[in-house]
Amino acid sequence: MFDLFTGNREKAREALDSELKKEMQKGTRIVRITDAHSLADLDASLQGGGLFNEKKIVIFDGIVGGGSEELAIKLLAQLPAISQMKERFYVLEGVLDASTRKMLEKHAEDSKRFDAEKKGERTTIFALGNALRSSDKKALWIGYHRELQKGAAPEAIHGVLFWAAKELYLSAKNASARERGAFLIAQLAELPHEARRRGFDLEYALENFALSGT
């Protein structure tokens, strides 16, 4: 079964983060799949808890509206099966066209749609994305710790930074900016895997990323 969160990405992400907070406190493993992952990663996320029947929650973050058509088609094809699974899944997207949203809502157990941000509305965690795009190391560092103190999950922060890197790449006006965007995307895509290999929490891996001044 899966729940759907769409519309304003900041509001949707904050609502999902709030909903998952209790599960995170209980130590439930959160698996976040973005359009930087492979088809094999998506397939693996649909498997059970493994040998020890580990409890996990899977978030498909920006796949349908992302840059990988292959992943989007794969996920859409799997929606009927996902809706019948006992495991808990979430689909997090931005603003979608009506037909795509209805396709997702058809299979979702619950759907939450958030209004688009109004002009002048205060931003929160998304200020981190601006700091990353502008290479403002100080703002990135301060903003990262501010969001942690407010209770933002490291997985949510990672998702925002990845989104910002992708935006930087897609909107690049010269080769240098495009190269930097590609570098950040690769770094952030690898970060959770590297943290697990080295036995680090994602929180500390992100701290090192912020300190690196990338």
N, C-alpha and C. Protein backbone atom coordinates (compact mmCIF):
# COMPACT_ATOMS: atom_id res chain seq x y z
N MET A 1 0.85 -1.19 0.00
CA MET A 1 0.00 0.00 0.00
C MET A 1 0.88 1.24 0.00
N PHE A 2 0.37 2.32 -0.58
CA PHE A 2 1.17 3.53 -0.57
C PHE A 2 0.28 4.76 -0.41
N ASP A 3 0.87 5.79 0.19
CA ASP A 3 0.23 7.09 0.32
C ASP A 3 0.91 8.06 -0.63
N LEU A 4 0.13 9.00 -1.15
CA LEU A 4 0.61 9.93 -2.15
C LEU A 4 0.64 11.35 -1.59
N PHE A 5 1.77 12.02 -1.76
CA PHE A 5 1.92 13.42 -1.36
C PHE A 5 2.35 14.21 -2.59
N THR A 6 1.53 15.20 -3.01
CA THR A 6 1.84 15.97 -4.21
C THR A 6 1.57 17.46 -3.98
N GLY A 7 2.01 18.26 -4.96
CA GLY A 7 1.75 19.70 -4.92
C GLY A 7 3.00 20.47 -4.55
N ASN A 8 2.86 21.39 -3.63
CA ASN A 8 3.99 22.17 -3.14
C ASN A 8 5.00 21.23 -2.49
N ARG A 9 6.21 21.16 -3.06
CA ARG A 9 7.17 20.15 -2.60
C ARG A 9 7.58 20.37 -1.16
N GLU A 10 7.76 21.62 -0.77
CA GLU A 10 8.19 21.89 0.61
C GLU A 10 7.12 21.44 1.59
N LYS A 11 5.88 21.83 1.34
CA LYS A 11 4.79 21.46 2.25
C LYS A 11 4.58 19.95 2.27
N ALA A 12 4.64 19.33 1.08
CA ALA A 12 4.45 17.88 1.01
C ALA A 12 5.55 17.15 1.75
N ARG A 13 6.80 17.61 1.57
CA ARG A 13 7.93 16.95 2.24
C ARG A 13 7.85 17.12 3.75
N GLU A 14 7.48 18.31 4.21
CA GLU A 14 7.38 18.55 5.65
C GLU A 14 6.28 17.69 6.26
N ALA A 15 5.15 17.56 5.54
CA ALA A 15 4.04 16.73 6.05
C ALA A 15 4.45 15.27 6.12
N LEU A 16 5.15 14.79 5.11
CA LEU A 16 5.59 13.39 5.11
C LEU A 16 6.61 13.17 6.21
N ASP A 17 7.54 14.10 6.37
CA ASP A 17 8.55 13.99 7.42
C ASP A 17 7.90 13.92 8.79
N SER A 18 6.89 14.73 9.00
CA SER A 18 6.17 14.73 10.28
C SER A 18 5.46 13.40 10.51
N GLU A 19 4.89 12.85 9.45
CA GLU A 19 4.17 11.59 9.56
C GLU A 19 5.10 10.43 9.89
N LEU A 20 6.34 10.52 9.41
CA LEU A 20 7.29 9.42 9.60
C LEU A 20 8.15 9.56 10.85
N LYS A 21 8.00 10.66 11.57
CA LYS A 21 8.88 10.95 12.69
C LYS A 21 8.84 9.83 13.74
N LYS A 22 7.65 9.35 14.08
CA LYS A 22 7.54 8.29 15.09
C LYS A 22 8.21 7.01 14.62
N GLU A 23 8.07 6.69 13.34
CA GLU A 23 8.70 5.48 12.81
C GLU A 23 10.22 5.61 12.87
N MET A 24 10.73 6.80 12.57
CA MET A 24 12.18 7.02 12.62
C MET A 24 12.70 6.87 14.04
N GLN A 25 11.92 7.36 15.01
CA GLN A 25 12.33 7.26 16.41
C GLN A 25 12.36 5.81 16.88
N LYS A 26 11.55 4.96 16.25
CA LYS A 26 11.52 3.54 16.60
C LYS A 26 12.62 2.75 15.88
N GLY A 27 13.37 3.45 15.04
CA GLY A 27 14.46 2.78 14.34
C GLY A 27 14.09 2.12 13.04
N THR A 28 12.89 2.39 12.54
CA THR A 28 12.49 1.84 11.25
C THR A 28 13.40 2.37 10.16
N ARG A 29 13.85 1.50 9.29
CA ARG A 29 14.75 1.93 8.21
C ARG A 29 13.95 2.63 7.12
N ILE A 30 14.40 3.83 6.76
CA ILE A 30 13.75 4.59 5.71
C ILE A 30 14.59 4.48 4.45
N VAL A 31 14.01 3.99 3.38
CA VAL A 31 14.68 3.85 2.10
C VAL A 31 14.09 4.89 1.15
N ARG A 32 14.94 5.78 0.64
CA ARG A 32 14.47 6.83 -0.26
C ARG A 32 15.04 6.58 -1.66
N ILE A 33 14.16 6.40 -2.64
CA ILE A 33 14.57 6.17 -4.02
C ILE A 33 14.25 7.41 -4.84
N THR A 34 15.26 7.99 -5.48
CA THR A 34 15.09 9.17 -6.32
C THR A 34 15.43 8.81 -7.76
N ASP A 35 15.32 9.79 -8.66
CA ASP A 35 15.62 9.49 -10.06
C ASP A 35 17.12 9.40 -10.32
N ALA A 36 17.93 9.51 -9.25
CA ALA A 36 19.37 9.26 -9.40
C ALA A 36 19.69 7.78 -9.22
N HIS A 37 18.72 7.01 -8.75
CA HIS A 37 18.94 5.58 -8.53
C HIS A 37 18.73 4.80 -9.83
N SER A 38 19.07 3.53 -9.79
CA SER A 38 18.96 2.66 -10.95
C SER A 38 17.68 1.84 -10.88
N LEU A 39 17.36 1.18 -11.97
CA LEU A 39 16.22 0.26 -11.99
C LEU A 39 16.43 -0.86 -10.98
N ALA A 40 17.67 -1.29 -10.82
CA ALA A 40 17.97 -2.34 -9.85
C ALA A 40 17.67 -1.87 -8.43
N ASP A 41 17.98 -0.60 -8.13
CA ASP A 41 17.68 -0.05 -6.81
C ASP A 41 16.17 -0.03 -6.57
N LEU A 42 15.42 0.36 -7.59
CA LEU A 42 13.96 0.40 -7.45
C LEU A 42 13.42 -1.01 -7.22
N ASP A 43 13.91 -1.97 -8.00
CA ASP A 43 13.46 -3.36 -7.83
C ASP A 43 13.79 -3.87 -6.42
N ALA A 44 14.99 -3.56 -5.93
CA ALA A 44 15.41 -4.02 -4.60
C ALA A 44 14.52 -3.42 -3.51
N SER A 45 14.07 -2.17 -3.71
CA SER A 45 13.23 -1.53 -2.70
C SER A 45 11.86 -2.18 -2.59
N LEU A 46 11.47 -2.92 -3.62
CA LEU A 46 10.16 -3.57 -3.61
C LEU A 46 10.20 -4.96 -2.98
N GLN A 47 11.40 -5.40 -2.61
CA GLN A 47 11.54 -6.69 -1.96
C GLN A 47 11.17 -6.57 -0.48
N GLY A 48 11.04 -7.69 0.20
CA GLY A 48 10.66 -7.70 1.61
C GLY A 48 11.80 -7.25 2.51
N GLY A 49 11.67 -7.55 3.79
CA GLY A 49 12.65 -7.11 4.78
C GLY A 49 13.92 -7.90 4.81
N GLY A 50 14.05 -8.88 3.92
CA GLY A 50 15.29 -9.64 3.87
C GLY A 50 15.33 -10.78 4.86
N LEU A 51 16.52 -11.27 5.11
CA LEU A 51 16.72 -12.46 5.94
C LEU A 51 16.15 -12.29 7.34
N PHE A 52 16.29 -11.10 7.93
CA PHE A 52 15.84 -10.87 9.30
C PHE A 52 14.51 -10.14 9.37
N ASN A 53 13.80 -10.09 8.22
CA ASN A 53 12.48 -9.48 8.17
C ASN A 53 12.50 -8.07 8.75
N GLU A 54 13.49 -7.30 8.35
CA GLU A 54 13.66 -5.93 8.84
C GLU A 54 12.50 -5.06 8.40
N LYS A 55 11.99 -4.25 9.32
CA LYS A 55 10.91 -3.33 8.98
C LYS A 55 11.48 -2.12 8.27
N LYS A 56 10.88 -1.77 7.14
CA LYS A 56 11.36 -0.61 6.41
C LYS A 56 10.18 0.12 5.77
N ILE A 57 10.40 1.37 5.47
CA ILE A 57 9.45 2.20 4.75
C ILE A 57 10.17 2.76 3.53
N VAL A 58 9.53 2.70 2.39
CA VAL A 58 10.16 3.15 1.15
C VAL A 58 9.48 4.42 0.65
N ILE A 59 10.29 5.42 0.32
CA ILE A 59 9.79 6.68 -0.24
C ILE A 59 10.29 6.79 -1.68
N PHE A 60 9.36 6.91 -2.62
CA PHE A 60 9.71 7.18 -4.01
C PHE A 60 9.62 8.69 -4.20
N ASP A 61 10.77 9.32 -4.25
CA ASP A 61 10.88 10.78 -4.18
C ASP A 61 11.16 11.40 -5.55
N GLY A 62 10.14 11.99 -6.16
CA GLY A 62 10.31 12.71 -7.41
C GLY A 62 10.61 11.85 -8.61
N ILE A 63 10.23 10.60 -8.59
CA ILE A 63 10.54 9.70 -9.71
C ILE A 63 9.62 9.96 -10.90
N VAL A 64 8.32 10.08 -10.64
CA VAL A 64 7.38 10.25 -11.76
C VAL A 64 7.62 11.57 -12.48
N GLY A 65 7.89 12.61 -11.72
CA GLY A 65 8.12 13.92 -12.34
C GLY A 65 9.59 14.24 -12.50
N GLY A 66 10.46 13.25 -12.36
CA GLY A 66 11.90 13.47 -12.42
C GLY A 66 12.46 13.36 -13.83
N GLY A 67 13.76 13.23 -13.90
CA GLY A 67 14.43 13.24 -15.20
C GLY A 67 14.63 11.88 -15.84
N SER A 68 14.30 10.80 -15.12
CA SER A 68 14.51 9.46 -15.66
C SER A 68 13.18 8.87 -16.13
N GLU A 69 12.96 8.90 -17.44
CA GLU A 69 11.73 8.34 -17.99
C GLU A 69 11.64 6.84 -17.72
N GLU A 70 12.78 6.18 -17.76
CA GLU A 70 12.83 4.73 -17.54
C GLU A 70 12.34 4.37 -16.13
N LEU A 71 12.81 5.11 -15.13
CA LEU A 71 12.38 4.86 -13.76
C LEU A 71 10.90 5.19 -13.58
N ALA A 72 10.46 6.30 -14.18
CA ALA A 72 9.06 6.71 -14.04
C ALA A 72 8.12 5.65 -14.60
N ILE A 73 8.45 5.15 -15.78
CA ILE A 73 7.60 4.11 -16.40
C ILE A 73 7.58 2.85 -15.54
N LYS A 74 8.76 2.49 -15.02
CA LYS A 74 8.85 1.29 -14.18
C LYS A 74 7.98 1.43 -12.93
N LEU A 75 8.07 2.59 -12.27
CA LEU A 75 7.28 2.79 -11.05
C LEU A 75 5.79 2.79 -11.35
N LEU A 76 5.39 3.48 -12.40
CA LEU A 76 3.96 3.54 -12.76
C LEU A 76 3.42 2.14 -13.06
N ALA A 77 4.24 1.32 -13.71
CA ALA A 77 3.81 -0.04 -14.03
C ALA A 77 3.66 -0.90 -12.78
N GLN A 78 4.41 -0.56 -11.72
CA GLN A 78 4.39 -1.34 -10.49
C GLN A 78 3.32 -0.88 -9.50
N LEU A 79 2.64 0.23 -9.79
CA LEU A 79 1.67 0.77 -8.82
C LEU A 79 0.59 -0.22 -8.40
N PRO A 80 -0.03 -0.97 -9.34
CA PRO A 80 -1.05 -1.93 -8.90
C PRO A 80 -0.50 -2.96 -7.91
N ALA A 81 0.73 -3.43 -8.16
CA ALA A 81 1.34 -4.41 -7.26
C ALA A 81 1.68 -3.78 -5.91
N ILE A 82 2.23 -2.56 -5.94
CA ILE A 82 2.60 -1.87 -4.71
C ILE A 82 1.37 -1.64 -3.84
N SER A 83 0.25 -1.32 -4.46
CA SER A 83 -0.97 -1.04 -3.69
C SER A 83 -1.47 -2.26 -2.94
N GLN A 84 -1.02 -3.46 -3.34
CA GLN A 84 -1.45 -4.70 -2.69
C GLN A 84 -0.44 -5.23 -1.67
N MET A 85 0.72 -4.61 -1.60
CA MET A 85 1.76 -5.08 -0.68
C MET A 85 1.45 -4.66 0.75
N LYS A 86 1.92 -5.45 1.70
CA LYS A 86 1.71 -5.14 3.12
C LYS A 86 2.68 -4.06 3.60
N GLU A 87 3.83 -3.97 2.97
CA GLU A 87 4.81 -2.97 3.37
C GLU A 87 4.27 -1.56 3.09
N ARG A 88 4.84 -0.59 3.79
CA ARG A 88 4.39 0.79 3.65
C ARG A 88 5.29 1.54 2.65
N PHE A 89 4.65 2.16 1.66
CA PHE A 89 5.34 2.95 0.66
C PHE A 89 4.74 4.36 0.63
N TYR A 90 5.56 5.30 0.21
CA TYR A 90 5.08 6.68 0.00
C TYR A 90 5.60 7.17 -1.35
N VAL A 91 4.76 7.92 -2.04
CA VAL A 91 5.16 8.55 -3.30
C VAL A 91 5.10 10.06 -3.07
N LEU A 92 6.24 10.71 -3.22
CA LEU A 92 6.36 12.15 -3.01
C LEU A 92 6.68 12.82 -4.34
N GLU A 93 5.81 13.74 -4.77
CA GLU A 93 5.99 14.44 -6.04
C GLU A 93 5.68 15.92 -5.87
N GLY A 94 6.10 16.70 -6.86
CA GLY A 94 5.73 18.10 -6.90
C GLY A 94 4.40 18.26 -7.59
N VAL A 95 4.24 19.33 -8.34
CA VAL A 95 3.01 19.56 -9.09
C VAL A 95 3.01 18.66 -10.32
N LEU A 96 1.96 17.87 -10.49
CA LEU A 96 1.83 16.96 -11.62
C LEU A 96 0.66 17.38 -12.51
N ASP A 97 0.70 16.98 -13.77
CA ASP A 97 -0.46 17.23 -14.62
C ASP A 97 -1.62 16.36 -14.13
N ALA A 98 -2.83 16.75 -14.47
CA ALA A 98 -4.03 16.12 -13.92
C ALA A 98 -4.10 14.63 -14.21
N SER A 99 -3.75 14.22 -15.43
CA SER A 99 -3.86 12.80 -15.78
C SER A 99 -2.89 11.94 -15.00
N THR A 100 -1.66 12.43 -14.82
CA THR A 100 -0.67 11.67 -14.06
C THR A 100 -1.08 11.57 -12.60
N ARG A 101 -1.56 12.68 -12.04
CA ARG A 101 -1.98 12.66 -10.64
C ARG A 101 -3.14 11.69 -10.43
N LYS A 102 -4.08 11.68 -11.35
CA LYS A 102 -5.23 10.77 -11.22
C LYS A 102 -4.79 9.32 -11.32
N MET A 103 -3.80 9.06 -12.16
CA MET A 103 -3.28 7.70 -12.28
C MET A 103 -2.69 7.22 -10.95
N LEU A 104 -1.95 8.11 -10.28
CA LEU A 104 -1.37 7.77 -8.98
C LEU A 104 -2.46 7.64 -7.92
N GLU A 105 -3.41 8.56 -7.92
CA GLU A 105 -4.48 8.55 -6.92
C GLU A 105 -5.35 7.30 -7.03
N LYS A 106 -5.47 6.77 -8.23
CA LYS A 106 -6.29 5.58 -8.45
C LYS A 106 -5.81 4.40 -7.61
N HIS A 107 -4.50 4.30 -7.41
CA HIS A 107 -3.93 3.15 -6.69
C HIS A 107 -3.53 3.48 -5.25
N ALA A 108 -3.50 4.76 -4.90
CA ALA A 108 -3.05 5.15 -3.56
C ALA A 108 -4.11 4.85 -2.51
N GLU A 109 -3.66 4.45 -1.34
CA GLU A 109 -4.58 4.25 -0.22
C GLU A 109 -5.07 5.60 0.30
N ASP A 110 -4.17 6.58 0.31
CA ASP A 110 -4.52 7.93 0.75
C ASP A 110 -3.74 8.93 -0.09
N SER A 111 -4.34 10.07 -0.38
CA SER A 111 -3.69 11.08 -1.20
C SER A 111 -3.80 12.44 -0.53
N LYS A 112 -2.67 13.12 -0.40
CA LYS A 112 -2.63 14.46 0.18
C LYS A 112 -2.05 15.40 -0.86
N ARG A 113 -2.79 16.46 -1.16
CA ARG A 113 -2.36 17.42 -2.17
C ARG A 113 -2.20 18.78 -1.51
N PHE A 114 -1.05 19.41 -1.72
CA PHE A 114 -0.73 20.66 -1.03
C PHE A 114 -0.71 21.82 -2.02
N ASP A 115 -1.24 22.94 -1.58
CA ASP A 115 -1.34 24.11 -2.44
C ASP A 115 0.02 24.61 -2.86
N ALA A 116 0.07 25.23 -4.02
CA ALA A 116 1.31 25.84 -4.50
C ALA A 116 1.68 27.00 -3.58
N GLU A 117 2.98 27.22 -3.46
CA GLU A 117 3.46 28.27 -2.57
C GLU A 117 3.06 29.64 -3.10
N LYS A 118 2.57 30.49 -2.21
CA LYS A 118 2.18 31.84 -2.57
C LYS A 118 3.38 32.76 -2.55
N LYS A 119 3.31 33.81 -3.34
CA LYS A 119 4.39 34.78 -3.41
C LYS A 119 4.65 35.39 -2.04
N GLY A 120 5.91 35.38 -1.63
CA GLY A 120 6.26 35.96 -0.35
C GLY A 120 6.15 34.99 0.81
N GLU A 121 5.67 33.75 0.56
CA GLU A 121 5.55 32.78 1.64
C GLU A 121 6.93 32.39 2.16
N ARG A 122 7.07 32.26 3.46
CA ARG A 122 8.37 31.97 4.07
C ARG A 122 8.84 30.57 3.68
N THR A 123 10.09 30.48 3.27
CA THR A 123 10.67 29.17 2.99
C THR A 123 11.43 28.68 4.21
N THR A 124 11.60 27.38 4.29
CA THR A 124 12.30 26.80 5.44
C THR A 124 13.45 25.96 4.94
N ILE A 125 13.24 24.67 4.88
CA ILE A 125 14.32 23.76 4.52
C ILE A 125 14.84 24.01 3.11
N PHE A 126 14.01 24.59 2.23
CA PHE A 126 14.44 24.79 0.86
C PHE A 126 15.50 25.89 0.74
N ALA A 127 15.70 26.68 1.81
CA ALA A 127 16.79 27.65 1.81
C ALA A 127 18.13 26.94 1.70
N LEU A 128 18.21 25.69 2.14
CA LEU A 128 19.43 24.91 2.00
C LEU A 128 19.79 24.72 0.54
N GLY A 129 18.77 24.49 -0.28
CA GLY A 129 19.01 24.33 -1.71
C GLY A 129 19.60 25.58 -2.32
N ASN A 130 19.12 26.75 -1.90
CA ASN A 130 19.66 28.01 -2.40
C ASN A 130 21.12 28.18 -2.00
N ALA A 131 21.43 27.78 -0.75
CA ALA A 131 22.81 27.90 -0.27
C ALA A 131 23.73 26.98 -1.07
N LEU A 132 23.26 25.80 -1.40
CA LEU A 132 24.08 24.87 -2.17
C LEU A 132 24.31 25.40 -3.58
N ARG A 133 23.26 25.89 -4.22
CA ARG A 133 23.38 26.39 -5.58
C ARG A 133 24.32 27.58 -5.67
N SER A 134 24.31 28.42 -4.61
CA SER A 134 25.14 29.63 -4.64
C SER A 134 26.52 29.42 -4.01
N SER A 135 26.83 28.18 -3.64
CA SER A 135 28.13 27.84 -3.02
C SER A 135 28.38 28.63 -1.74
N ASP A 136 27.32 28.90 -1.00
CA ASP A 136 27.44 29.64 0.26
C ASP A 136 27.65 28.63 1.39
N LYS A 137 28.91 28.33 1.67
CA LYS A 137 29.25 27.30 2.65
C LYS A 137 28.72 27.63 4.04
N LYS A 138 28.83 28.90 4.43
CA LYS A 138 28.37 29.30 5.75
C LYS A 138 26.87 29.12 5.90
N ALA A 139 26.10 29.58 4.90
CA ALA A 139 24.65 29.45 4.94
C ALA A 139 24.23 27.98 4.93
N LEU A 140 24.96 27.16 4.17
CA LEU A 140 24.64 25.74 4.11
C LEU A 140 24.87 25.08 5.46
N TRP A 141 25.99 25.40 6.10
CA TRP A 141 26.32 24.83 7.40
C TRP A 141 25.31 25.26 8.47
N ILE A 142 25.04 26.55 8.54
CA ILE A 142 24.10 27.07 9.55
C ILE A 142 22.70 26.53 9.30
N GLY A 143 22.29 26.55 8.03
CA GLY A 143 20.96 26.07 7.69
C GLY A 143 20.77 24.60 7.98
N TYR A 144 21.82 23.82 7.73
CA TYR A 144 21.74 22.37 7.99
C TYR A 144 21.50 22.10 9.46
N HIS A 145 22.26 22.75 10.34
CA HIS A 145 22.08 22.52 11.77
C HIS A 145 20.78 23.12 12.29
N ARG A 146 20.33 24.21 11.69
CA ARG A 146 19.04 24.78 12.07
C ARG A 146 17.91 23.78 11.79
N GLU A 147 17.95 23.14 10.62
CA GLU A 147 16.90 22.19 10.27
C GLU A 147 16.95 20.95 11.16
N LEU A 148 18.14 20.50 11.52
CA LEU A 148 18.26 19.36 12.44
C LEU A 148 17.65 19.70 13.79
N GLN A 149 17.92 20.91 14.28
CA GLN A 149 17.37 21.33 15.56
C GLN A 149 15.85 21.43 15.54
N LYS A 150 15.32 21.74 14.36
CA LYS A 150 13.86 21.83 14.22
C LYS A 150 13.22 20.46 14.05
N GLY A 151 14.04 19.42 13.93
CA GLY A 151 13.51 18.07 13.85
C GLY A 151 13.42 17.49 12.44
N ALA A 152 14.01 18.19 11.46
CA ALA A 152 13.99 17.67 10.08
C ALA A 152 14.82 16.39 10.01
N ALA A 153 14.32 15.40 9.30
CA ALA A 153 15.04 14.14 9.15
C ALA A 153 16.20 14.31 8.17
N PRO A 154 17.35 13.68 8.44
CA PRO A 154 18.46 13.75 7.49
C PRO A 154 18.06 13.29 6.09
N GLU A 155 17.16 12.31 6.00
CA GLU A 155 16.72 11.84 4.68
C GLU A 155 16.01 12.95 3.91
N ALA A 156 15.21 13.76 4.64
CA ALA A 156 14.50 14.87 4.00
C ALA A 156 15.49 15.94 3.54
N ILE A 157 16.49 16.23 4.37
CA ILE A 157 17.50 17.22 4.01
C ILE A 157 18.28 16.75 2.78
N HIS A 158 18.63 15.48 2.78
CA HIS A 158 19.35 14.92 1.63
C HIS A 158 18.52 15.05 0.36
N GLY A 159 17.22 14.79 0.46
CA GLY A 159 16.34 14.90 -0.70
C GLY A 159 16.29 16.32 -1.25
N VAL A 160 16.25 17.30 -0.37
CA VAL A 160 16.22 18.70 -0.79
C VAL A 160 17.52 19.09 -1.48
N LEU A 161 18.65 18.68 -0.92
CA LEU A 161 19.94 19.00 -1.52
C LEU A 161 20.09 18.33 -2.88
N PHE A 162 19.61 17.10 -2.99
CA PHE A 162 19.68 16.43 -4.29
C PHE A 162 18.82 17.16 -5.32
N TRP A 163 17.63 17.57 -4.89
CA TRP A 163 16.73 18.33 -5.77
C TRP A 163 17.42 19.61 -6.24
N ALA A 164 18.11 20.31 -5.33
CA ALA A 164 18.79 21.56 -5.67
C ALA A 164 19.92 21.31 -6.67
N ALA A 165 20.65 20.22 -6.47
CA ALA A 165 21.74 19.89 -7.39
C ALA A 165 21.20 19.59 -8.78
N LYS A 166 20.08 18.89 -8.83
CA LYS A 166 19.48 18.57 -10.12
C LYS A 166 18.99 19.84 -10.82
N GLU A 167 18.40 20.76 -10.04
CA GLU A 167 17.94 22.03 -10.61
C GLU A 167 19.13 22.83 -11.15
N LEU A 168 20.25 22.80 -10.43
CA LEU A 168 21.44 23.50 -10.87
C LEU A 168 21.92 22.93 -12.21
N TYR A 169 21.90 21.62 -12.33
CA TYR A 169 22.35 20.97 -13.56
C TYR A 169 21.43 21.29 -14.73
N LEU A 170 20.12 21.21 -14.49
CA LEU A 170 19.15 21.40 -15.58
C LEU A 170 19.07 22.85 -16.04
N SER A 171 19.35 23.79 -15.13
CA SER A 171 19.22 25.21 -15.48
C SER A 171 20.57 25.86 -15.78
N ALA A 172 21.62 25.05 -15.86
CA ALA A 172 22.97 25.60 -16.08
C ALA A 172 23.05 26.39 -17.38
N LYS A 173 23.69 27.56 -17.30
CA LYS A 173 23.82 28.42 -18.47
C LYS A 173 25.20 28.35 -19.11
N ASN A 174 26.09 27.59 -18.48
CA ASN A 174 27.42 27.42 -19.06
C ASN A 174 27.96 26.05 -18.66
N ALA A 175 29.05 25.67 -19.29
CA ALA A 175 29.62 24.33 -19.06
C ALA A 175 30.10 24.15 -17.62
N SER A 176 30.62 25.23 -17.03
CA SER A 176 31.14 25.14 -15.66
C SER A 176 30.02 24.84 -14.67
N ALA A 177 28.89 25.53 -14.79
CA ALA A 177 27.76 25.30 -13.89
C ALA A 177 27.17 23.91 -14.10
N ARG A 178 27.12 23.48 -15.35
CA ARG A 178 26.59 22.15 -15.64
C ARG A 178 27.51 21.07 -15.06
N GLU A 179 28.80 21.28 -15.17
CA GLU A 179 29.76 20.33 -14.62
C GLU A 179 29.63 20.26 -13.10
N ARG A 180 29.48 21.42 -12.45
CA ARG A 180 29.32 21.43 -10.99
C ARG A 180 28.03 20.72 -10.58
N GLY A 181 26.96 20.96 -11.33
CA GLY A 181 25.70 20.29 -11.03
C GLY A 181 25.82 18.78 -11.12
N ALA A 182 26.48 18.31 -12.18
CA ALA A 182 26.68 16.87 -12.36
C ALA A 182 27.52 16.29 -11.23
N PHE A 183 28.55 17.04 -10.81
CA PHE A 183 29.41 16.59 -9.71
C PHE A 183 28.62 16.46 -8.41
N LEU A 184 27.77 17.47 -8.11
CA LEU A 184 26.97 17.44 -6.88
C LEU A 184 25.95 16.31 -6.91
N ILE A 185 25.33 16.10 -8.06
CA ILE A 185 24.37 15.00 -8.20
C ILE A 185 25.04 13.67 -7.89
N ALA A 186 26.23 13.46 -8.47
CA ALA A 186 26.95 12.20 -8.25
C ALA A 186 27.33 12.05 -6.78
N GLN A 187 27.80 13.13 -6.16
CA GLN A 187 28.19 13.08 -4.75
C GLN A 187 26.99 12.73 -3.85
N LEU A 188 25.88 13.41 -4.08
CA LEU A 188 24.71 13.22 -3.22
C LEU A 188 24.05 11.87 -3.47
N ALA A 189 24.09 11.38 -4.70
CA ALA A 189 23.53 10.06 -4.98
C ALA A 189 24.30 8.97 -4.26
N GLU A 190 25.61 9.16 -4.15
CA GLU A 190 26.47 8.16 -3.53
C GLU A 190 26.50 8.27 -2.01
N LEU A 191 26.14 9.44 -1.48
CA LEU A 191 26.31 9.71 -0.05
C LEU A 191 25.65 8.68 0.87
N PRO A 192 24.37 8.31 0.69
CA PRO A 192 23.77 7.31 1.59
C PRO A 192 24.46 5.96 1.52
N HIS A 193 24.88 5.55 0.31
CA HIS A 193 25.56 4.26 0.16
C HIS A 193 26.92 4.28 0.85
N GLU A 194 27.64 5.39 0.68
CA GLU A 194 28.95 5.51 1.32
C GLU A 194 28.84 5.53 2.84
N ALA A 195 27.79 6.22 3.34
CA ALA A 195 27.58 6.27 4.79
C ALA A 195 27.34 4.87 5.35
N ARG A 196 26.53 4.08 4.65
CA ARG A 196 26.25 2.71 5.12
C ARG A 196 27.52 1.85 5.08
N ARG A 197 28.30 2.00 4.00
CA ARG A 197 29.53 1.19 3.88
C ARG A 197 30.51 1.50 5.01
N ARG A 198 30.59 2.76 5.40
CA ARG A 198 31.54 3.17 6.43
C ARG A 198 30.96 3.12 7.84
N GLY A 199 29.68 2.78 7.94
CA GLY A 199 29.04 2.69 9.25
C GLY A 199 28.71 4.03 9.86
N PHE A 200 28.53 5.07 9.01
CA PHE A 200 28.17 6.40 9.50
C PHE A 200 26.67 6.59 9.42
N ASP A 201 26.12 7.42 10.30
CA ASP A 201 24.74 7.88 10.15
C ASP A 201 24.71 8.90 9.01
N LEU A 202 23.59 8.96 8.31
CA LEU A 202 23.45 9.92 7.22
C LEU A 202 23.63 11.35 7.73
N GLU A 203 23.22 11.60 8.97
CA GLU A 203 23.36 12.94 9.56
C GLU A 203 24.81 13.42 9.52
N TYR A 204 25.75 12.54 9.87
CA TYR A 204 27.16 12.93 9.91
C TYR A 204 27.76 12.98 8.51
N ALA A 205 27.26 12.14 7.63
CA ALA A 205 27.73 12.19 6.23
C ALA A 205 27.33 13.52 5.60
N LEU A 206 26.12 14.00 5.90
CA LEU A 206 25.67 15.28 5.38
C LEU A 206 26.47 16.44 6.00
N GLU A 207 26.83 16.29 7.27
CA GLU A 207 27.62 17.30 7.93
C GLU A 207 28.99 17.45 7.23
N ASN A 208 29.59 16.31 6.91
CA ASN A 208 30.87 16.35 6.21
C ASN A 208 30.71 16.95 4.80
N PHE A 209 29.58 16.66 4.18
CA PHE A 209 29.30 17.23 2.85
C PHE A 209 29.21 18.75 2.95
N ALA A 210 28.50 19.25 3.95
CA ALA A 210 28.37 20.70 4.13
C ALA A 210 29.73 21.34 4.41
N LEU A 211 30.54 20.66 5.20
CA LEU A 211 31.86 21.19 5.54
C LEU A 211 32.83 21.22 4.37
N SER A 212 32.58 20.36 3.39
CA SER A 212 33.50 20.26 2.27
C SER A 212 33.48 21.49 1.38
N GLY A 213 32.41 22.31 1.54
CA GLY A 213 32.35 23.54 0.76
C GLY A 213 32.05 23.32 -0.70
N THR A 214 31.41 22.19 -1.05
CA THR A 214 31.11 21.91 -2.44
C THR A 214 30.07 22.85 -2.98
